[in-house]
C-alpha atoms as a PDB file:
ATOM      1  CA  MET A   1      -2.849  21.361  25.010  1.00  0.00           C
ATOM      2  CA  LYS A   2      -5.545  20.088  22.654  1.00  0.00           C
ATOM      3  CA  ASN A   3      -8.301  17.755  23.796  1.00  0.00           C
ATOM      4  CA  THR A   4      -7.744  14.451  21.978  1.00  0.00           C
ATOM      5  CA  ASP A   5     -10.917  12.760  23.266  1.00  0.00           C
ATOM      6  CA  ASN A   6     -12.903  13.961  20.247  1.00  0.00           C
ATOM      7  CA  CYS A   7     -10.291  13.630  17.494  1.00  0.00           C
ATOM      8  CA  CYS A   8     -12.555  12.912  14.503  1.00  0.00           C
ATOM      9  CA  LEU A   9      -9.657  11.992  12.212  1.00  0.00           C
ATOM     10  CA  GLY A  10      -8.348   9.574  14.826  1.00  0.00           C
ATOM     11  CA  LYS A  11     -11.770   7.963  15.081  1.00  0.00           C
ATOM     12  CA  LEU A  12     -12.015   7.618  11.296  1.00  0.00           C
ATOM     13  CA  LEU A  13      -8.559   6.059  11.078  1.00  0.00           C
ATOM     14  CA  LYS A  14      -9.400   3.685  13.936  1.00  0.00           C
ATOM     15  CA  VAL A  15     -12.374   2.456  11.880  1.00  0.00           C
ATOM     16  CA  ILE A  16     -10.088   1.887   8.897  1.00  0.00           C
ATOM     17  CA  ASP A  17      -7.590   0.052  11.141  1.00  0.00           C
ATOM     18  CA  ILE A  18     -10.349  -2.235  12.448  1.00  0.00           C
ATOM     19  CA  LEU A  19     -11.630  -2.867   8.910  1.00  0.00           C
ATOM     20  CA  GLN A  20      -8.176  -3.890   7.762  1.00  0.00           C
ATOM     21  CA  ARG A  21      -7.743  -6.244  10.736  1.00  0.00           C
ATOM     22  CA  ASN A  22     -11.156  -7.818  10.011  1.00  0.00           C
ATOM     23  CA  ALA A  23     -10.979  -7.754   6.218  1.00  0.00           C
ATOM     24  CA  ASN A  24     -13.512 -10.571   5.839  1.00  0.00           C
ATOM     25  CA  ASN A  25     -16.448  -8.557   7.302  1.00  0.00           C
ATOM     26  CA  ASN A  26     -18.481  -8.066   4.097  1.00  0.00           C
ATOM     27  CA  ASP A  27     -22.059  -7.269   5.065  1.00  0.00           C
ATOM     28  CA  CYS A  28     -22.665  -3.630   4.066  1.00  0.00           C
ATOM     29  CA  PHE A  29     -22.836  -1.607   0.862  1.00  0.00           C
ATOM     30  CA  ASP A  30     -21.994   1.833   2.286  1.00  0.00           C
ATOM     31  CA  GLU A  31     -19.676   3.738  -0.097  1.00  0.00           C
ATOM     32  CA  SER A  32     -18.048   6.123   2.409  1.00  0.00           C
ATOM     33  CA  CYS A  33     -14.674   5.910   4.196  1.00  0.00           C
ATOM     34  CA  THR A  34     -16.391   4.190   7.134  1.00  0.00           C
ATOM     35  CA  ARG A  35     -18.062   1.356   5.216  1.00  0.00           C
ATOM     36  CA  PRO A  36     -17.472  -1.818   7.230  1.00  0.00           C
ATOM     37  CA  TYR A  37     -15.736  -3.828   4.502  1.00  0.00           C
ATOM     38  CA  LEU A  38     -12.877  -3.395   2.083  1.00  0.00           C
ATOM     39  CA  GLY A  39     -13.519  -3.433  -1.644  1.00  0.00           C
ATOM     40  CA  SER A  40     -16.123  -2.347  -4.154  1.00  0.00           C
ATOM     41  CA  SER A  41     -18.340  -5.370  -3.570  1.00  0.00           C
ATOM     42  CA  PRO A  42     -18.310  -8.010  -0.883  1.00  0.00           C
ATOM     43  CA  ASN A  43     -18.575 -10.776  -3.493  1.00  0.00           C
ATOM     44  CA  ILE A  44     -15.659  -9.904  -5.764  1.00  0.00           C
ATOM     45  CA  ILE A  45     -12.204  -9.704  -4.120  1.00  0.00           C
ATOM     46  CA  CYS A  46     -10.994  -9.780  -0.525  1.00  0.00           C
ATOM     47  CA  PHE A  47      -9.081  -6.532  -0.188  1.00  0.00           C
ATOM     48  CA  ASN A  48      -6.969  -5.986   2.915  1.00  0.00           C
ATOM     49  CA  THR A  49      -5.954  -2.328   2.702  1.00  0.00           C
ATOM     50  CA  ARG A  50      -7.699   1.002   2.401  1.00  0.00           C
ATOM     51  CA  PRO A  51      -4.850   3.347   1.348  1.00  0.00           C
ATOM     52  CA  VAL A  52      -5.086   6.917   2.554  1.00  0.00           C
ATOM     53  CA  THR A  53      -3.492  10.249   1.808  1.00  0.00           C
ATOM     54  CA  PHE A  54      -3.222  13.153   4.235  1.00  0.00           C
ATOM     55  CA  TYR A  55      -3.343  16.907   3.715  1.00  0.00           C
ATOM     56  CA  THR A  56      -1.834  19.380   6.156  1.00  0.00           C
ATOM     57  CA  CYS A  57      -3.730  22.327   7.579  1.00  0.00           C
ATOM     58  CA  ASN A  58      -2.034  24.461   4.874  1.00  0.00           C
ATOM     59  CA  GLY A  59      -3.663  22.310   2.175  1.00  0.00           C
ATOM     60  CA  ASN A  60      -0.404  20.579   1.191  1.00  0.00           C
ATOM     61  CA  LEU A  61      -0.279  16.884   0.383  1.00  0.00           C
ATOM     62  CA  PHE A  62       1.674  15.131   3.143  1.00  0.00           C
ATOM     63  CA  THR A  63       4.614  13.031   1.895  1.00  0.00           C
ATOM     64  CA  ALA A  64       7.210  10.817   3.536  1.00  0.00           C
ATOM     65  CA  THR A  65      10.579   9.542   2.398  1.00  0.00           C
ATOM     66  CA  TYR A  66      11.436   5.852   2.102  1.00  0.00           C
ATOM     67  CA  THR A  67      14.484   4.025   0.785  1.00  0.00           C
ATOM     68  CA  LEU A  68      14.368   1.204  -1.755  1.00  0.00           C
ATOM     69  CA  ASN A  69      17.543  -0.458  -3.002  1.00  0.00           C
ATOM     70  CA  GLY A  70      19.610   2.422  -1.624  1.00  0.00           C
ATOM     71  CA  ILE A  71      17.570   5.067  -3.440  1.00  0.00           C
ATOM     72  CA  SER A  72      15.423   7.590  -1.560  1.00  0.00           C
ATOM     73  CA  ASN A  73      11.889   8.130  -2.821  1.00  0.00           C
ATOM     74  CA  THR A  74       8.822   9.945  -1.535  1.00  0.00           C
ATOM     75  CA  SER A  75       5.272   8.735  -1.203  1.00  0.00           C
ATOM     76  CA  SER A  76       1.981  10.311  -0.238  1.00  0.00           C
ATOM     77  CA  VAL A  77       0.109   7.005   0.167  1.00  0.00           C
ATOM     78  CA  PHE A  78      -0.080   5.154   3.473  1.00  0.00           C
ATOM     79  CA  ARG A  79      -1.627   2.129   5.179  1.00  0.00           C
ATOM     80  CA  VAL A  80      -2.975   2.639   8.697  1.00  0.00           C
ATOM     81  CA  GLU A  81      -1.246   0.249  11.111  1.00  0.00           C
ATOM     82  CA  SER A  82      -2.463   1.538  14.484  1.00  0.00           C
ATOM     83  CA  VAL A  83      -4.141   4.555  16.054  1.00  0.00           C
ATOM     84  CA  ASP A  84      -3.613   6.027  19.508  1.00  0.00           C
ATOM     85  CA  LYS A  85      -5.890   9.024  20.150  1.00  0.00           C
ATOM     86  CA  CYS A  86      -4.632  11.690  17.718  1.00  0.00           C
ATOM     87  CA  CYS A  87      -1.561   9.818  16.501  1.00  0.00           C
ATOM     88  CA  VAL A  88      -1.528   7.269  13.711  1.00  0.00           C
ATOM     89  CA  LYS A  89       1.229   4.826  12.827  1.00  0.00           C
ATOM     90  CA  CYS A  90       1.316   4.278   9.063  1.00  0.00           C
ATOM     91  CA  ARG A  91       3.208   2.027   6.712  1.00  0.00           C
ATOM     92  CA  ILE A  92       4.557   3.917   3.712  1.00  0.00           C
ATOM     93  CA  LEU A  93       3.237   2.473   0.443  1.00  0.00           C
ATOM     94  CA  ARG A  94       4.986   2.787  -2.891  1.00  0.00           C
ATOM     95  CA  PRO A  95       3.561   2.586  -6.407  1.00  0.00           C
ATOM     96  CA  ASN A  96       3.562  -0.863  -7.954  1.00  0.00           C
ATOM     97  CA  PRO A  97       5.710  -0.805 -11.108  1.00  0.00           C
ATOM     98  CA  ASP A  98       3.369  -3.487 -12.545  1.00  0.00           C
ATOM     99  CA  THR A  99       0.495  -1.196 -13.495  1.00  0.00           C
ATOM    100  CA  SER A 100      -1.552  -4.047 -15.008  1.00  0.00           C
ATOM    101  CA  ASP A 101      -3.036  -5.100 -11.638  1.00  0.00           C
ATOM    102  CA  VAL A 102      -5.189  -2.262 -10.287  1.00  0.00           C
ATOM    103  CA  ASN A 103      -6.011  -4.352  -7.200  1.00  0.00           C
ATOM    104  CA  ARG A 104      -2.325  -4.149  -6.273  1.00  0.00           C
ATOM    105  CA  ALA A 105      -1.696  -0.512  -7.224  1.00  0.00           C
ATOM    106  CA  TYR A 106       0.688  -0.060  -4.270  1.00  0.00           C
ATOM    107  CA  LEU A 107       3.277  -2.202  -2.558  1.00  0.00           C
ATOM    108  CA  ALA A 108       4.216  -2.194   1.107  1.00  0.00           C
ATOM    109  CA  THR A 109       7.545  -0.829   2.221  1.00  0.00           C
ATOM    110  CA  ASN A 110       9.154  -1.835   5.500  1.00  0.00           C
ATOM    111  CA  GLU A 111       9.149   1.778   6.645  1.00  0.00           C
ATOM    112  CA  PHE A 112       6.703   3.320   9.093  1.00  0.00           C
ATOM    113  CA  ILE A 113       5.923   6.832  10.287  1.00  0.00           C
ATOM    114  CA  THR A 114       3.837   8.263  13.116  1.00  0.00           C
ATOM    115  CA  ILE A 115       1.672  11.256  12.249  1.00  0.00           C
ATOM    116  CA  ASN A 116       0.254  13.749  14.732  1.00  0.00           C
ATOM    117  CA  LEU A 117      -3.298  14.248  13.510  1.00  0.00           C
ATOM    118  CA  ASN A 118      -3.396  17.723  15.035  1.00  0.00           C
ATOM    119  CA  CYS A 119      -1.262  18.723  12.021  1.00  0.00           C
ATOM    120  CA  ILE A 120      -3.590  17.053   9.487  1.00  0.00           C
ATOM    121  CA  CYS A 121      -6.873  18.554   8.279  1.00  0.00           C
ATOM    122  CA  VAL A 122      -7.968  16.182   5.504  1.00  0.00           C
ATOM    123  CA  ILE A 123      -7.820  12.441   4.945  1.00  0.00           C
ATOM    124  CA  SER A 124      -8.617  11.046   1.515  1.00  0.00           C
ATOM    125  CA  CYS A 125      -9.403   7.358   1.069  1.00  0.00           C
ATOM    126  CA  LEU A 126      -8.208   5.713  -2.136  1.00  0.00           C
ATOM    127  CA  ASN A 127      -9.669   2.595  -3.740  1.00  0.00           C
ATOM    128  CA  ASP A 128      -9.238  -0.518  -1.612  1.00  0.00           C
ATOM    129  CA  ILE A 129      -6.353  -2.764  -2.636  1.00  0.00           C
ATOM    130  CA  ILE A 130      -4.511  -5.959  -1.813  1.00  0.00           C
ATOM    131  CA  ILE A 131      -1.139  -5.682  -0.124  1.00  0.00           C
ATOM    132  CA  ASP A 132       0.835  -8.916  -0.194  1.00  0.00           C
ATOM    133  CA  ASN A 133       3.231 -10.005   2.542  1.00  0.00           C
ATOM    134  CA  LEU A 134       2.053  -7.731   5.351  1.00  0.00           C
END
């Protein structure tokens, strides 16, 4: 059994989860995944989501299936909803068909997955966005 006390990916995702829950904390200009605010500048737009993608230990992009209007689709973009040690519950995000609003590049689905972080080696943070109706 693996020791989950030092799960670095879990810790990183927990920071993202906290940032999303406290999306109005805008007092730092750090540009890494752990910067304590969402968005490119604290004075421009109040973002509420830092979308992430995951890569497996084999280097493959992790995807999940969701259903929209009876049609199955896949997505590789997720919103962190909660973290418990080395497991993360994520909302599946889908591309926004209205490509004119880059601040709303993805839309929330009503589908969630739980990912065992012991199977994930890389997390990539995408540009912060606004997700309506969370």
